[in-house]
Amino acid sequence: KVLEHSWQKPRPSENKILRFGGAWGIGREVVMSGVGKPWLYGRTFFPESVVKAHGNNFLFLGTRPLGELLFSNPQVSRSEFKIARLVSG
């Protein structure tokens, strides 16, 4: 389920780690569920330069899975992940 998919600034933690320089981009937040219960929250941020370089495909992704776009493009490669455990409250 897509919670958010919009133009926004990177979060301070994203900017610090990825060094986007505070540039605008597309922020995407999703919740993946299994057996009717949410079990994974995911957030991805694409800087404006990436969005423009890929013909706005990231902008018009809608409810399609992100992997559908990423893994169908031979120019895209996976890099290291940053993972955090979130607790309610």
N, C-alpha and C. Protein backbone atom coordinates (compact mmCIF):
# COMPACT_ATOMS: atom_id res chain seq x y z
N LYS A 1 0.85 -1.17 0.00
CA LYS A 1 0.00 0.00 0.00
C LYS A 1 0.90 1.24 0.00
N VAL A 2 0.66 2.12 -0.95
CA VAL A 2 1.43 3.36 -1.03
C VAL A 2 0.85 4.38 -0.05
N LEU A 3 1.67 4.85 0.87
CA LEU A 3 1.24 5.85 1.85
C LEU A 3 1.49 7.26 1.34
N GLU A 4 2.61 7.43 0.64
CA GLU A 4 3.01 8.76 0.16
C GLU A 4 3.86 8.58 -1.08
N HIS A 5 3.66 9.45 -2.03
CA HIS A 5 4.48 9.47 -3.24
C HIS A 5 4.38 10.89 -3.78
N SER A 6 5.36 11.73 -3.42
CA SER A 6 5.24 13.14 -3.78
C SER A 6 6.61 13.82 -3.81
N TRP A 7 6.63 15.02 -4.42
CA TRP A 7 7.82 15.85 -4.39
C TRP A 7 8.02 16.32 -2.96
N GLN A 8 9.24 16.21 -2.47
CA GLN A 8 9.55 16.64 -1.11
C GLN A 8 11.07 16.77 -0.95
N LYS A 9 11.46 17.35 0.15
CA LYS A 9 12.88 17.44 0.50
C LYS A 9 13.27 16.13 1.20
N PRO A 10 14.53 15.72 1.10
CA PRO A 10 14.95 14.52 1.83
C PRO A 10 14.90 14.79 3.33
N ARG A 11 14.66 13.75 4.09
CA ARG A 11 14.71 13.88 5.54
C ARG A 11 16.16 14.15 5.95
N PRO A 12 16.37 14.81 7.10
CA PRO A 12 17.74 15.11 7.52
C PRO A 12 18.65 13.88 7.55
N SER A 13 18.14 12.75 8.02
CA SER A 13 18.96 11.53 8.07
C SER A 13 19.33 11.05 6.66
N GLU A 14 18.41 11.18 5.71
CA GLU A 14 18.69 10.78 4.32
C GLU A 14 19.73 11.71 3.71
N ASN A 15 19.57 12.98 3.96
CA ASN A 15 20.49 13.97 3.42
C ASN A 15 21.90 13.77 3.97
N LYS A 16 21.99 13.45 5.25
CA LYS A 16 23.28 13.24 5.89
C LYS A 16 23.99 12.02 5.30
N ILE A 17 23.28 10.93 5.16
CA ILE A 17 23.88 9.69 4.67
C ILE A 17 24.17 9.75 3.17
N LEU A 18 23.20 10.23 2.40
CA LEU A 18 23.31 10.18 0.94
C LEU A 18 23.85 11.45 0.31
N ARG A 19 23.97 12.51 1.09
CA ARG A 19 24.55 13.78 0.63
C ARG A 19 23.85 14.35 -0.59
N PHE A 20 22.52 14.48 -0.48
CA PHE A 20 21.73 15.05 -1.57
C PHE A 20 21.81 16.57 -1.61
N GLY A 21 22.35 17.18 -0.59
CA GLY A 21 22.45 18.63 -0.56
C GLY A 21 21.10 19.30 -0.37
N GLY A 22 20.14 18.56 0.16
CA GLY A 22 18.81 19.14 0.40
C GLY A 22 17.98 19.31 -0.86
N ALA A 23 18.43 18.73 -1.98
CA ALA A 23 17.70 18.88 -3.25
C ALA A 23 16.34 18.20 -3.19
N TRP A 24 15.37 18.77 -3.88
CA TRP A 24 14.05 18.18 -3.96
C TRP A 24 14.12 16.85 -4.70
N GLY A 25 13.13 16.03 -4.46
CA GLY A 25 13.04 14.74 -5.13
C GLY A 25 11.71 14.09 -4.84
N ILE A 26 11.59 12.84 -5.22
CA ILE A 26 10.36 12.08 -4.97
C ILE A 26 10.58 11.21 -3.75
N GLY A 27 9.73 11.38 -2.75
CA GLY A 27 9.74 10.53 -1.56
C GLY A 27 8.60 9.54 -1.70
N ARG A 28 8.89 8.28 -1.45
CA ARG A 28 7.88 7.22 -1.57
C ARG A 28 7.89 6.39 -0.30
N GLU A 29 6.71 6.24 0.30
CA GLU A 29 6.57 5.44 1.51
C GLU A 29 5.50 4.39 1.27
N VAL A 30 5.81 3.16 1.66
CA VAL A 30 4.87 2.05 1.47
C VAL A 30 4.81 1.19 2.73
N VAL A 31 3.72 0.47 2.85
CA VAL A 31 3.59 -0.57 3.88
C VAL A 31 3.26 -1.86 3.15
N MET A 32 4.04 -2.89 3.44
CA MET A 32 3.77 -4.21 2.87
C MET A 32 3.15 -5.07 3.96
N SER A 33 2.13 -5.81 3.58
CA SER A 33 1.40 -6.62 4.56
C SER A 33 1.45 -8.09 4.19
N GLY A 34 1.26 -8.90 5.19
CA GLY A 34 1.16 -10.35 5.02
C GLY A 34 0.12 -10.87 5.98
N VAL A 35 -0.74 -11.73 5.51
CA VAL A 35 -1.81 -12.31 6.31
C VAL A 35 -2.65 -11.21 6.96
N GLY A 36 -2.88 -10.14 6.19
CA GLY A 36 -3.74 -9.06 6.65
C GLY A 36 -3.13 -8.13 7.68
N LYS A 37 -1.84 -8.28 7.99
CA LYS A 37 -1.20 -7.42 8.99
C LYS A 37 0.02 -6.73 8.37
N PRO A 38 0.21 -5.44 8.69
CA PRO A 38 1.40 -4.76 8.18
C PRO A 38 2.66 -5.35 8.81
N TRP A 39 3.68 -5.61 7.99
CA TRP A 39 4.91 -6.17 8.53
C TRP A 39 6.17 -5.46 8.05
N LEU A 40 6.04 -4.55 7.08
CA LEU A 40 7.23 -3.84 6.61
C LEU A 40 6.85 -2.44 6.14
N TYR A 41 7.58 -1.46 6.63
CA TYR A 41 7.45 -0.09 6.16
C TYR A 41 8.69 0.20 5.33
N GLY A 42 8.49 0.80 4.16
CA GLY A 42 9.63 1.12 3.32
C GLY A 42 9.57 2.57 2.86
N ARG A 43 10.72 3.20 2.79
CA ARG A 43 10.81 4.57 2.30
C ARG A 43 11.96 4.64 1.32
N THR A 44 11.71 5.29 0.20
CA THR A 44 12.71 5.50 -0.83
C THR A 44 12.69 6.97 -1.21
N PHE A 45 13.86 7.53 -1.47
CA PHE A 45 13.94 8.92 -1.92
C PHE A 45 14.78 8.96 -3.19
N PHE A 46 14.22 9.58 -4.24
CA PHE A 46 14.91 9.75 -5.51
C PHE A 46 15.16 11.23 -5.72
N PRO A 47 16.42 11.66 -5.77
CA PRO A 47 16.67 13.08 -6.02
C PRO A 47 16.15 13.49 -7.40
N GLU A 48 15.88 14.76 -7.56
CA GLU A 48 15.32 15.29 -8.80
C GLU A 48 16.17 14.90 -10.01
N SER A 49 17.49 14.87 -9.85
CA SER A 49 18.36 14.51 -10.98
C SER A 49 18.08 13.10 -11.47
N VAL A 50 17.78 12.17 -10.57
CA VAL A 50 17.44 10.79 -10.96
C VAL A 50 16.08 10.76 -11.65
N VAL A 51 15.12 11.49 -11.10
CA VAL A 51 13.78 11.53 -11.68
C VAL A 51 13.85 12.05 -13.12
N LYS A 52 14.57 13.14 -13.32
CA LYS A 52 14.67 13.73 -14.66
C LYS A 52 15.45 12.83 -15.62
N ALA A 53 16.48 12.15 -15.13
CA ALA A 53 17.30 11.29 -15.99
C ALA A 53 16.53 10.07 -16.49
N HIS A 54 15.48 9.70 -15.78
CA HIS A 54 14.72 8.50 -16.16
C HIS A 54 13.35 8.85 -16.70
N GLY A 55 13.24 10.01 -17.34
CA GLY A 55 12.01 10.38 -18.02
C GLY A 55 10.78 10.44 -17.14
N ASN A 56 10.96 10.84 -15.90
CA ASN A 56 9.84 10.97 -14.95
C ASN A 56 9.14 9.65 -14.64
N ASN A 57 9.76 8.51 -14.96
CA ASN A 57 9.16 7.21 -14.61
C ASN A 57 8.89 7.10 -13.12
N PHE A 58 9.77 7.67 -12.30
CA PHE A 58 9.59 7.62 -10.85
C PHE A 58 8.41 8.47 -10.41
N LEU A 59 8.17 9.56 -11.13
CA LEU A 59 7.08 10.46 -10.78
C LEU A 59 5.72 9.81 -11.00
N PHE A 60 5.59 9.05 -12.07
CA PHE A 60 4.29 8.47 -12.43
C PHE A 60 4.19 6.99 -12.11
N LEU A 61 4.88 6.54 -11.10
CA LEU A 61 4.86 5.13 -10.70
C LEU A 61 3.50 4.71 -10.17
N GLY A 62 2.81 5.62 -9.48
CA GLY A 62 1.49 5.30 -8.94
C GLY A 62 1.55 4.18 -7.93
N THR A 63 0.66 3.20 -8.06
CA THR A 63 0.60 2.09 -7.10
C THR A 63 1.42 0.89 -7.56
N ARG A 64 2.07 1.00 -8.71
CA ARG A 64 2.91 -0.12 -9.17
C ARG A 64 4.09 -0.30 -8.21
N PRO A 65 4.54 -1.54 -8.02
CA PRO A 65 5.69 -1.77 -7.15
C PRO A 65 6.95 -1.10 -7.70
N LEU A 66 7.75 -0.56 -6.83
CA LEU A 66 8.99 0.08 -7.22
C LEU A 66 9.91 -0.89 -7.95
N GLY A 67 9.95 -2.13 -7.48
CA GLY A 67 10.81 -3.14 -8.11
C GLY A 67 10.49 -3.34 -9.59
N GLU A 68 9.22 -3.17 -9.96
CA GLU A 68 8.82 -3.30 -11.36
C GLU A 68 9.60 -2.32 -12.24
N LEU A 69 9.78 -1.12 -11.75
CA LEU A 69 10.52 -0.11 -12.49
C LEU A 69 12.03 -0.33 -12.39
N LEU A 70 12.51 -0.59 -11.19
CA LEU A 70 13.95 -0.71 -10.98
C LEU A 70 14.56 -1.91 -11.69
N PHE A 71 13.95 -3.07 -11.52
CA PHE A 71 14.59 -4.29 -12.00
C PHE A 71 14.31 -4.58 -13.47
N SER A 72 13.51 -3.74 -14.12
CA SER A 72 13.31 -3.87 -15.56
C SER A 72 14.28 -2.97 -16.32
N ASN A 73 15.09 -2.20 -15.60
CA ASN A 73 16.04 -1.28 -16.21
C ASN A 73 17.46 -1.83 -16.04
N PRO A 74 18.13 -2.20 -17.14
CA PRO A 74 19.47 -2.77 -17.02
C PRO A 74 20.52 -1.78 -16.49
N GLN A 75 20.22 -0.50 -16.49
CA GLN A 75 21.16 0.50 -15.98
C GLN A 75 21.10 0.64 -14.46
N VAL A 76 20.12 0.02 -13.84
CA VAL A 76 19.95 0.13 -12.39
C VAL A 76 20.65 -1.05 -11.72
N SER A 77 21.43 -0.74 -10.69
CA SER A 77 22.06 -1.79 -9.91
C SER A 77 21.79 -1.53 -8.43
N ARG A 78 21.75 -2.58 -7.67
CA ARG A 78 21.46 -2.47 -6.24
C ARG A 78 22.73 -2.08 -5.50
N SER A 79 22.58 -1.18 -4.54
CA SER A 79 23.70 -0.79 -3.70
C SER A 79 23.36 -1.16 -2.26
N GLU A 80 24.18 -0.72 -1.35
CA GLU A 80 23.97 -1.08 0.05
C GLU A 80 22.66 -0.52 0.59
N PHE A 81 22.05 -1.24 1.51
CA PHE A 81 20.79 -0.83 2.14
C PHE A 81 21.09 -0.14 3.45
N LYS A 82 20.18 0.72 3.85
CA LYS A 82 20.19 1.30 5.20
C LYS A 82 18.90 0.84 5.86
N ILE A 83 19.01 0.16 6.96
CA ILE A 83 17.85 -0.43 7.63
C ILE A 83 17.76 0.11 9.05
N ALA A 84 16.54 0.39 9.48
CA ALA A 84 16.30 0.81 10.86
C ALA A 84 15.06 0.10 11.38
N ARG A 85 15.04 -0.18 12.64
CA ARG A 85 13.87 -0.76 13.27
C ARG A 85 13.08 0.38 13.90
N LEU A 86 11.80 0.46 13.54
CA LEU A 86 10.93 1.49 14.08
C LEU A 86 9.99 0.88 15.10
N VAL A 87 9.78 1.60 16.17
CA VAL A 87 8.82 1.16 17.18
C VAL A 87 7.70 2.19 17.26
N SER A 88 6.50 1.74 17.54
CA SER A 88 5.37 2.68 17.58
C SER A 88 5.57 3.70 18.70
N GLY A 89 5.07 4.90 18.44
CA GLY A 89 5.19 5.98 19.41
C GLY A 89 6.44 6.78 19.21
